[in-house]
Amino acid sequence: MLYLVPTPIGNLEDMTFRAIKVLKEVQLILAEDTRTSRPLLSHFEIQTPLQSHHLFNEHQNVAYIVERLLSGEDIALITDAGTPGISDPGFLLVRECVKNNIEVICLPGATAFVPALVCSGLPCEKFTFEGFLPHKKGRQTRLEFLREETRTMIFYESPHRLHKTLLQFCEYFGEERMVSVSREISKKFEETKRGTLKEVTEYFANKTIKGEIVIVVSAEEKNNSKKEKIYSKE
């Protein structure tokens, strides 16, 4: 059996009892970065053997891992933080397990975009998760396509690209489109800034930004000449 085990995105107390139990009982833990995962496993006294499994070696590893699973071993996959497969390695291995009739179980747990969406103040009933936009090829095409998206949009972004991305959102979506930017979720300096794209872009313009970023952008509101402003000015 393959277990997909979410790990904390910040506070270690977000680790579930079930996740700890599974990681102690499996025969092998696949980790995106063993250097990042070892302190976490040590904190919870998990001594299960650890092996790296990341974007640069997953294609070579998949056949070997599937072979071990077919032999009867239970294996867990974790990433640096959050749920495997969400903008992290996991898809290829899960697909091969499904092809080989290997049972796959994903434990519920931490992921960054859900709390960012829920606390954004933007509609949550329908949304599209875009993850990281392409850095170069296809970026403008994707932004043009999303210009008229009628669902709330969720993006991941790195700290050093945040301001540039917000400027591009202003260009493609309009400065008055509503946005919520969350960073350092579940950590000591967690912050969520809400407002129009113009306001939030100006807020982050001259700031030193750290931590993982989740950007939540409101949908295009067609046929509504008098848009109700979602956030009041702070």
C-alpha atoms as a PDB file:
ATOM      1  CA  MET A   1       0.000   0.000   0.000  1.00  0.00           C
ATOM      2  CA  LEU A   2       1.148   3.541  -0.773  1.00  0.00           C
ATOM      3  CA  TYR A   3       0.310   6.225   1.772  1.00  0.00           C
ATOM      4  CA  LEU A   4       0.383   9.916   0.853  1.00  0.00           C
ATOM      5  CA  VAL A   5       1.066  11.645   4.160  1.00  0.00           C
ATOM      6  CA  PRO A   6       0.678  15.426   4.586  1.00  0.00           C
ATOM      7  CA  THR A   7       3.248  17.140   6.787  1.00  0.00           C
ATOM      8  CA  PRO A   8       2.973  20.516   8.572  1.00  0.00           C
ATOM      9  CA  ILE A   9       3.358  23.654   6.476  1.00  0.00           C
ATOM     10  CA  GLY A  10       4.476  25.544   9.585  1.00  0.00           C
ATOM     11  CA  ASN A  11       3.455  24.603  13.104  1.00  0.00           C
ATOM     12  CA  LEU A  12       4.554  21.063  14.009  1.00  0.00           C
ATOM     13  CA  GLU A  13       1.368  20.665  16.039  1.00  0.00           C
ATOM     14  CA  ASP A  14      -0.516  20.419  12.738  1.00  0.00           C
ATOM     15  CA  MET A  15       0.850  16.874  12.342  1.00  0.00           C
ATOM     16  CA  THR A  16      -1.959  14.362  12.921  1.00  0.00           C
ATOM     17  CA  PHE A  17      -1.795  11.326  15.220  1.00  0.00           C
ATOM     18  CA  ARG A  18      -2.651   9.106  12.262  1.00  0.00           C
ATOM     19  CA  ALA A  19       0.178  10.530  10.145  1.00  0.00           C
ATOM     20  CA  ILE A  20       2.705   9.781  12.903  1.00  0.00           C
ATOM     21  CA  LYS A  21       1.350   6.242  13.297  1.00  0.00           C
ATOM     22  CA  VAL A  22       1.541   5.510   9.557  1.00  0.00           C
ATOM     23  CA  LEU A  23       5.072   6.878   9.249  1.00  0.00           C
ATOM     24  CA  LYS A  24       6.199   4.652  12.125  1.00  0.00           C
ATOM     25  CA  GLU A  25       4.593   1.509  10.682  1.00  0.00           C
ATOM     26  CA  VAL A  26       5.562   1.627   6.981  1.00  0.00           C
ATOM     27  CA  GLN A  27       8.758  -0.028   5.747  1.00  0.00           C
ATOM     28  CA  LEU A  28      10.002   3.045   3.838  1.00  0.00           C
ATOM     29  CA  ILE A  29       9.390   6.786   3.724  1.00  0.00           C
ATOM     30  CA  LEU A  30       9.945   8.629   0.447  1.00  0.00           C
ATOM     31  CA  ALA A  31      10.831  12.277   1.111  1.00  0.00           C
ATOM     32  CA  GLU A  32      11.167  15.227  -1.252  1.00  0.00           C
ATOM     33  CA  ASP A  33      14.246  16.432   0.668  1.00  0.00           C
ATOM     34  CA  THR A  34      15.642  14.129   3.349  1.00  0.00           C
ATOM     35  CA  ARG A  35      17.483  17.051   4.960  1.00  0.00           C
ATOM     36  CA  THR A  36      14.171  18.810   5.547  1.00  0.00           C
ATOM     37  CA  SER A  37      12.291  15.693   6.641  1.00  0.00           C
ATOM     38  CA  ARG A  38      14.820  14.255   9.104  1.00  0.00           C
ATOM     39  CA  PRO A  39      14.263  16.946  11.791  1.00  0.00           C
ATOM     40  CA  LEU A  40      10.486  16.441  11.510  1.00  0.00           C
ATOM     41  CA  LEU A  41      10.771  12.661  11.832  1.00  0.00           C
ATOM     42  CA  SER A  42      13.221  12.998  14.695  1.00  0.00           C
ATOM     43  CA  HIS A  43      10.835  15.332  16.533  1.00  0.00           C
ATOM     44  CA  PHE A  44       8.138  12.627  16.479  1.00  0.00           C
ATOM     45  CA  GLU A  45      10.638   9.805  17.134  1.00  0.00           C
ATOM     46  CA  ILE A  46      10.023   8.192  13.750  1.00  0.00           C
ATOM     47  CA  GLN A  47      12.937   5.908  12.833  1.00  0.00           C
ATOM     48  CA  THR A  48      11.644   4.462   9.563  1.00  0.00           C
ATOM     49  CA  PRO A  49      14.232   4.309   6.727  1.00  0.00           C
ATOM     50  CA  LEU A  50      14.190   7.402   4.519  1.00  0.00           C
ATOM     51  CA  GLN A  51      14.833   7.735   0.781  1.00  0.00           C
ATOM     52  CA  SER A  52      14.781  10.801  -1.476  1.00  0.00           C
ATOM     53  CA  HIS A  53      12.007  11.126  -4.056  1.00  0.00           C
ATOM     54  CA  HIS A  54      11.855  14.461  -5.862  1.00  0.00           C
ATOM     55  CA  LEU A  55      11.151  16.072  -9.232  1.00  0.00           C
ATOM     56  CA  PHE A  56      14.609  15.217 -10.564  1.00  0.00           C
ATOM     57  CA  ASN A  57      14.656  11.499  -9.765  1.00  0.00           C
ATOM     58  CA  GLU A  58      11.010  10.405  -9.631  1.00  0.00           C
ATOM     59  CA  HIS A  59      10.970   9.097 -13.213  1.00  0.00           C
ATOM     60  CA  GLN A  60      13.906   6.787 -12.431  1.00  0.00           C
ATOM     61  CA  ASN A  61      12.534   5.766  -9.028  1.00  0.00           C
ATOM     62  CA  VAL A  62       8.955   4.876  -9.923  1.00  0.00           C
ATOM     63  CA  ALA A  63       9.569   1.349 -11.297  1.00  0.00           C
ATOM     64  CA  TYR A  64      11.729   0.398  -8.306  1.00  0.00           C
ATOM     65  CA  ILE A  65       9.174   1.721  -5.804  1.00  0.00           C
ATOM     66  CA  VAL A  66       6.274  -0.030  -7.541  1.00  0.00           C
ATOM     67  CA  GLU A  67       8.268  -3.278  -7.445  1.00  0.00           C
ATOM     68  CA  ARG A  68       8.722  -2.946  -3.689  1.00  0.00           C
ATOM     69  CA  LEU A  69       5.028  -2.185  -3.229  1.00  0.00           C
ATOM     70  CA  LEU A  70       4.055  -5.232  -5.304  1.00  0.00           C
ATOM     71  CA  SER A  71       6.313  -7.371  -3.128  1.00  0.00           C
ATOM     72  CA  GLY A  72       4.101  -6.511  -0.150  1.00  0.00           C
ATOM     73  CA  GLU A  73       5.777  -3.502   1.452  1.00  0.00           C
ATOM     74  CA  ASP A  74       3.913  -0.458   2.713  1.00  0.00           C
ATOM     75  CA  ILE A  75       5.526   2.847   1.679  1.00  0.00           C
ATOM     76  CA  ALA A  76       4.723   6.440   2.608  1.00  0.00           C
ATOM     77  CA  LEU A  77       5.378   9.527   0.503  1.00  0.00           C
ATOM     78  CA  ILE A  78       5.924  12.913   2.136  1.00  0.00           C
ATOM     79  CA  THR A  79       7.055  16.276   0.779  1.00  0.00           C
ATOM     80  CA  ASP A  80       8.839  19.194   2.423  1.00  0.00           C
ATOM     81  CA  ALA A  81       5.486  20.569   3.602  1.00  0.00           C
ATOM     82  CA  GLY A  82       1.827  19.991   2.823  1.00  0.00           C
ATOM     83  CA  THR A  83       0.124  17.240   0.838  1.00  0.00           C
ATOM     84  CA  PRO A  84       2.095  15.215  -1.744  1.00  0.00           C
ATOM     85  CA  GLY A  85       0.981  15.819  -5.315  1.00  0.00           C
ATOM     86  CA  ILE A  86      -0.165  19.413  -4.766  1.00  0.00           C
ATOM     87  CA  SER A  87       2.563  21.353  -6.615  1.00  0.00           C
ATOM     88  CA  ASP A  88       4.937  18.672  -5.312  1.00  0.00           C
ATOM     89  CA  PRO A  89       6.068  15.187  -6.437  1.00  0.00           C
ATOM     90  CA  GLY A  90       3.474  12.435  -6.199  1.00  0.00           C
ATOM     91  CA  PHE A  91       1.393  12.255  -9.366  1.00  0.00           C
ATOM     92  CA  LEU A  92       3.677   9.926 -11.334  1.00  0.00           C
ATOM     93  CA  LEU A  93       3.961   7.433  -8.497  1.00  0.00           C
ATOM     94  CA  VAL A  94       0.225   7.440  -7.797  1.00  0.00           C
ATOM     95  CA  ARG A  95      -0.540   6.905 -11.483  1.00  0.00           C
ATOM     96  CA  GLU A  96       1.760   3.887 -11.682  1.00  0.00           C
ATOM     97  CA  CYS A  97       0.287   2.454  -8.483  1.00  0.00           C
ATOM     98  CA  VAL A  98      -3.212   2.774  -9.934  1.00  0.00           C
ATOM     99  CA  LYS A  99      -2.054   1.056 -13.149  1.00  0.00           C
ATOM    100  CA  ASN A 100      -0.660  -1.819 -11.079  1.00  0.00           C
ATOM    101  CA  ASN A 101      -3.713  -2.145  -8.810  1.00  0.00           C
ATOM    102  CA  ILE A 102      -1.736  -1.023  -5.757  1.00  0.00           C
ATOM    103  CA  GLU A 103      -3.942   0.551  -3.118  1.00  0.00           C
ATOM    104  CA  VAL A 104      -3.299   4.256  -2.549  1.00  0.00           C
ATOM    105  CA  ILE A 105      -4.491   6.092   0.549  1.00  0.00           C
ATOM    106  CA  CYS A 106      -4.108   9.845   1.029  1.00  0.00           C
ATOM    107  CA  LEU A 107      -4.376  10.984   4.629  1.00  0.00           C
ATOM    108  CA  PRO A 108      -6.208  14.270   5.247  1.00  0.00           C
ATOM    109  CA  GLY A 109      -3.988  17.026   6.524  1.00  0.00           C
ATOM    110  CA  ALA A 110      -2.114  20.224   5.880  1.00  0.00           C
ATOM    111  CA  THR A 111      -2.145  22.048   2.562  1.00  0.00           C
ATOM    112  CA  ALA A 112      -1.553  25.768   2.056  1.00  0.00           C
ATOM    113  CA  PHE A 113      -4.227  26.771  -0.440  1.00  0.00           C
ATOM    114  CA  VAL A 114      -7.283  25.696   1.584  1.00  0.00           C
ATOM    115  CA  PRO A 115      -6.714  27.965   4.620  1.00  0.00           C
ATOM    116  CA  ALA A 116      -5.646  30.801   2.308  1.00  0.00           C
ATOM    117  CA  LEU A 117      -8.877  30.461   0.311  1.00  0.00           C
ATOM    118  CA  VAL A 118     -11.147  30.118   3.331  1.00  0.00           C
ATOM    119  CA  CYS A 119      -9.731  33.164   5.128  1.00  0.00           C
ATOM    120  CA  SER A 120      -9.527  35.302   1.981  1.00  0.00           C
ATOM    121  CA  GLY A 121     -13.101  36.534   2.240  1.00  0.00           C
ATOM    122  CA  LEU A 122     -13.624  35.627  -1.417  1.00  0.00           C
ATOM    123  CA  PRO A 123     -16.245  33.119  -2.637  1.00  0.00           C
ATOM    124  CA  CYS A 124     -15.196  29.524  -1.880  1.00  0.00           C
ATOM    125  CA  GLU A 125     -17.993  27.485  -3.427  1.00  0.00           C
ATOM    126  CA  LYS A 126     -16.282  27.392  -6.847  1.00  0.00           C
ATOM    127  CA  PHE A 127     -12.571  27.947  -7.440  1.00  0.00           C
ATOM    128  CA  THR A 128      -9.707  26.977  -9.698  1.00  0.00           C
ATOM    129  CA  PHE A 129      -6.292  26.025  -8.318  1.00  0.00           C
ATOM    130  CA  GLU A 130      -3.589  27.186 -10.733  1.00  0.00           C
ATOM    131  CA  GLY A 131      -0.539  26.420  -8.599  1.00  0.00           C
ATOM    132  CA  PHE A 132       2.640  28.057  -9.921  1.00  0.00           C
ATOM    133  CA  LEU A 133       2.254  29.928 -13.207  1.00  0.00           C
ATOM    134  CA  PRO A 134       4.834  29.184 -15.923  1.00  0.00           C
ATOM    135  CA  HIS A 135       7.871  31.395 -15.405  1.00  0.00           C
ATOM    136  CA  LYS A 136       8.362  32.232 -19.076  1.00  0.00           C
ATOM    137  CA  LYS A 137       6.858  30.184 -21.907  1.00  0.00           C
ATOM    138  CA  GLY A 138       3.091  30.127 -21.712  1.00  0.00           C
ATOM    139  CA  ARG A 139       2.778  32.611 -18.851  1.00  0.00           C
ATOM    140  CA  GLN A 140       1.177  35.431 -20.835  1.00  0.00           C
ATOM    141  CA  THR A 141      -1.093  32.993 -22.645  1.00  0.00           C
ATOM    142  CA  ARG A 142      -2.290  31.562 -19.340  1.00  0.00           C
ATOM    143  CA  LEU A 143      -2.927  34.988 -17.832  1.00  0.00           C
ATOM    144  CA  GLU A 144      -4.879  36.020 -20.915  1.00  0.00           C
ATOM    145  CA  PHE A 145      -6.965  32.861 -20.618  1.00  0.00           C
ATOM    146  CA  LEU A 146      -7.668  33.520 -16.918  1.00  0.00           C
ATOM    147  CA  ARG A 147      -8.697  37.131 -17.525  1.00  0.00           C
ATOM    148  CA  GLU A 148     -12.363  36.123 -17.765  1.00  0.00           C
ATOM    149  CA  GLU A 149     -12.298  33.222 -15.279  1.00  0.00           C
ATOM    150  CA  THR A 150     -15.631  33.161 -13.428  1.00  0.00           C
ATOM    151  CA  ARG A 151     -14.329  31.242 -10.399  1.00  0.00           C
ATOM    152  CA  THR A 152     -12.056  32.380  -7.588  1.00  0.00           C
ATOM    153  CA  MET A 153      -8.434  31.738  -8.623  1.00  0.00           C
ATOM    154  CA  ILE A 154      -5.652  30.400  -6.404  1.00  0.00           C
ATOM    155  CA  PHE A 155      -1.945  30.686  -7.177  1.00  0.00           C
ATOM    156  CA  TYR A 156       1.298  29.710  -5.453  1.00  0.00           C
ATOM    157  CA  GLU A 157       4.232  32.091  -5.731  1.00  0.00           C
ATOM    158  CA  SER A 158       7.758  32.478  -4.390  1.00  0.00           C
ATOM    159  CA  PRO A 159       8.673  35.538  -2.285  1.00  0.00           C
ATOM    160  CA  HIS A 160      11.066  37.065  -4.831  1.00  0.00           C
ATOM    161  CA  ARG A 161       8.458  36.868  -7.613  1.00  0.00           C
ATOM    162  CA  LEU A 162       5.448  38.112  -5.644  1.00  0.00           C
ATOM    163  CA  HIS A 163       5.596  41.791  -6.577  1.00  0.00           C
ATOM    164  CA  LYS A 164       6.230  41.086 -10.270  1.00  0.00           C
ATOM    165  CA  THR A 165       3.306  38.653 -10.339  1.00  0.00           C
ATOM    166  CA  LEU A 166       0.969  41.143  -8.659  1.00  0.00           C
ATOM    167  CA  LEU A 167       1.960  43.774 -11.232  1.00  0.00           C
ATOM    168  CA  GLN A 168       1.101  41.319 -14.013  1.00  0.00           C
ATOM    169  CA  PHE A 169      -2.234  40.560 -12.355  1.00  0.00           C
ATOM    170  CA  CYS A 170      -2.953  44.302 -12.335  1.00  0.00           C
ATOM    171  CA  GLU A 171      -2.207  44.392 -16.048  1.00  0.00           C
ATOM    172  CA  TYR A 172      -4.313  41.386 -17.018  1.00  0.00           C
ATOM    173  CA  PHE A 173      -7.098  41.403 -14.410  1.00  0.00           C
ATOM    174  CA  GLY A 174      -7.365  45.122 -13.663  1.00  0.00           C
ATOM    175  CA  GLU A 175      -6.228  47.104 -10.627  1.00  0.00           C
ATOM    176  CA  GLU A 176      -9.668  46.997  -8.989  1.00  0.00           C
ATOM    177  CA  ARG A 177      -9.913  43.194  -8.952  1.00  0.00           C
ATOM    178  CA  MET A 178      -9.973  41.920  -5.355  1.00  0.00           C
ATOM    179  CA  VAL A 179      -7.099  39.819  -4.024  1.00  0.00           C
ATOM    180  CA  SER A 180      -5.885  38.180  -0.833  1.00  0.00           C
ATOM    181  CA  VAL A 181      -2.213  37.327  -0.281  1.00  0.00           C
ATOM    182  CA  SER A 182      -1.311  34.892   2.516  1.00  0.00           C
ATOM    183  CA  ARG A 183       2.207  34.001   3.579  1.00  0.00           C
ATOM    184  CA  GLU A 184       3.873  32.018   6.364  1.00  0.00           C
ATOM    185  CA  ILE A 185       0.620  30.126   6.967  1.00  0.00           C
ATOM    186  CA  SER A 186       0.592  28.348  10.337  1.00  0.00           C
ATOM    187  CA  LYS A 187       3.882  30.022  11.342  1.00  0.00           C
ATOM    188  CA  LYS A 188       4.734  32.718  13.865  1.00  0.00           C
ATOM    189  CA  PHE A 189       4.656  35.595  11.372  1.00  0.00           C
ATOM    190  CA  GLU A 190       1.591  34.488   9.419  1.00  0.00           C
ATOM    191  CA  GLU A 191       0.070  37.346   7.455  1.00  0.00           C
ATOM    192  CA  THR A 192      -2.883  37.850   5.122  1.00  0.00           C
ATOM    193  CA  LYS A 193      -3.267  41.101   3.195  1.00  0.00           C
ATOM    194  CA  ARG A 194      -6.575  41.781   1.457  1.00  0.00           C
ATOM    195  CA  GLY A 195      -7.710  44.566  -0.884  1.00  0.00           C
ATOM    196  CA  THR A 196      -7.712  45.541  -4.530  1.00  0.00           C
ATOM    197  CA  LEU A 197      -4.802  44.417  -6.662  1.00  0.00           C
ATOM    198  CA  LYS A 198      -3.582  48.014  -6.731  1.00  0.00           C
ATOM    199  CA  GLU A 199      -3.654  48.314  -2.936  1.00  0.00           C
ATOM    200  CA  VAL A 200      -2.003  44.962  -2.253  1.00  0.00           C
ATOM    201  CA  THR A 201       0.653  45.476  -4.941  1.00  0.00           C
ATOM    202  CA  GLU A 202       1.597  48.806  -3.386  1.00  0.00           C
ATOM    203  CA  TYR A 203       1.674  47.227   0.084  1.00  0.00           C
ATOM    204  CA  PHE A 204       4.243  44.597  -0.949  1.00  0.00           C
ATOM    205  CA  ALA A 205       6.250  46.894  -3.251  1.00  0.00           C
ATOM    206  CA  ASN A 206       9.033  47.767  -0.817  1.00  0.00           C
ATOM    207  CA  LYS A 207       8.769  44.949   1.705  1.00  0.00           C
ATOM    208  CA  THR A 208      11.260  42.168   2.360  1.00  0.00           C
ATOM    209  CA  ILE A 209       9.092  39.112   1.852  1.00  0.00           C
ATOM    210  CA  LYS A 210       9.772  35.648   3.264  1.00  0.00           C
ATOM    211  CA  GLY A 211       7.897  32.377   3.308  1.00  0.00           C
ATOM    212  CA  GLU A 212       5.624  30.534   0.936  1.00  0.00           C
ATOM    213  CA  ILE A 213       2.962  32.662  -0.767  1.00  0.00           C
ATOM    214  CA  VAL A 214      -0.652  31.894  -1.692  1.00  0.00           C
ATOM    215  CA  ILE A 215      -2.494  34.454  -3.848  1.00  0.00           C
ATOM    216  CA  VAL A 216      -6.286  34.297  -4.072  1.00  0.00           C
ATOM    217  CA  VAL A 217      -7.866  36.443  -6.805  1.00  0.00           C
ATOM    218  CA  SER A 218     -11.568  37.166  -7.245  1.00  0.00           C
ATOM    219  CA  ALA A 219     -13.457  36.045 -10.321  1.00  0.00           C
ATOM    220  CA  GLU A 220     -14.370  38.256 -13.239  1.00  0.00           C
ATOM    221  CA  GLU A 221     -17.844  39.625 -12.592  1.00  0.00           C
ATOM    222  CA  LYS A 222     -19.605  39.969 -15.935  1.00  0.00           C
ATOM    223  CA  ASN A 223     -22.773  41.911 -16.524  1.00  0.00           C
ATOM    224  CA  ASN A 224     -22.406  43.769 -13.265  1.00  0.00           C
ATOM    225  CA  SER A 225     -21.675  47.450 -13.779  1.00  0.00           C
ATOM    226  CA  LYS A 226     -21.930  48.194 -10.073  1.00  0.00           C
ATOM    227  CA  LYS A 227     -19.557  45.750  -8.457  1.00  0.00           C
ATOM    228  CA  GLU A 228     -19.920  45.536  -4.720  1.00  0.00           C
ATOM    229  CA  LYS A 229     -16.518  45.930  -3.148  1.00  0.00           C
ATOM    230  CA  ILE A 230     -15.727  42.814  -1.159  1.00  0.00           C
ATOM    231  CA  TYR A 231     -13.337  44.433   1.282  1.00  0.00           C
ATOM    232  CA  SER A 232     -13.677  47.746   3.037  1.00  0.00           C
ATOM    233  CA  LYS A 233     -10.593  49.952   3.109  1.00  0.00           C
ATOM    234  CA  GLU A 234      -8.315  49.242   6.041  1.00  0.00           C
END
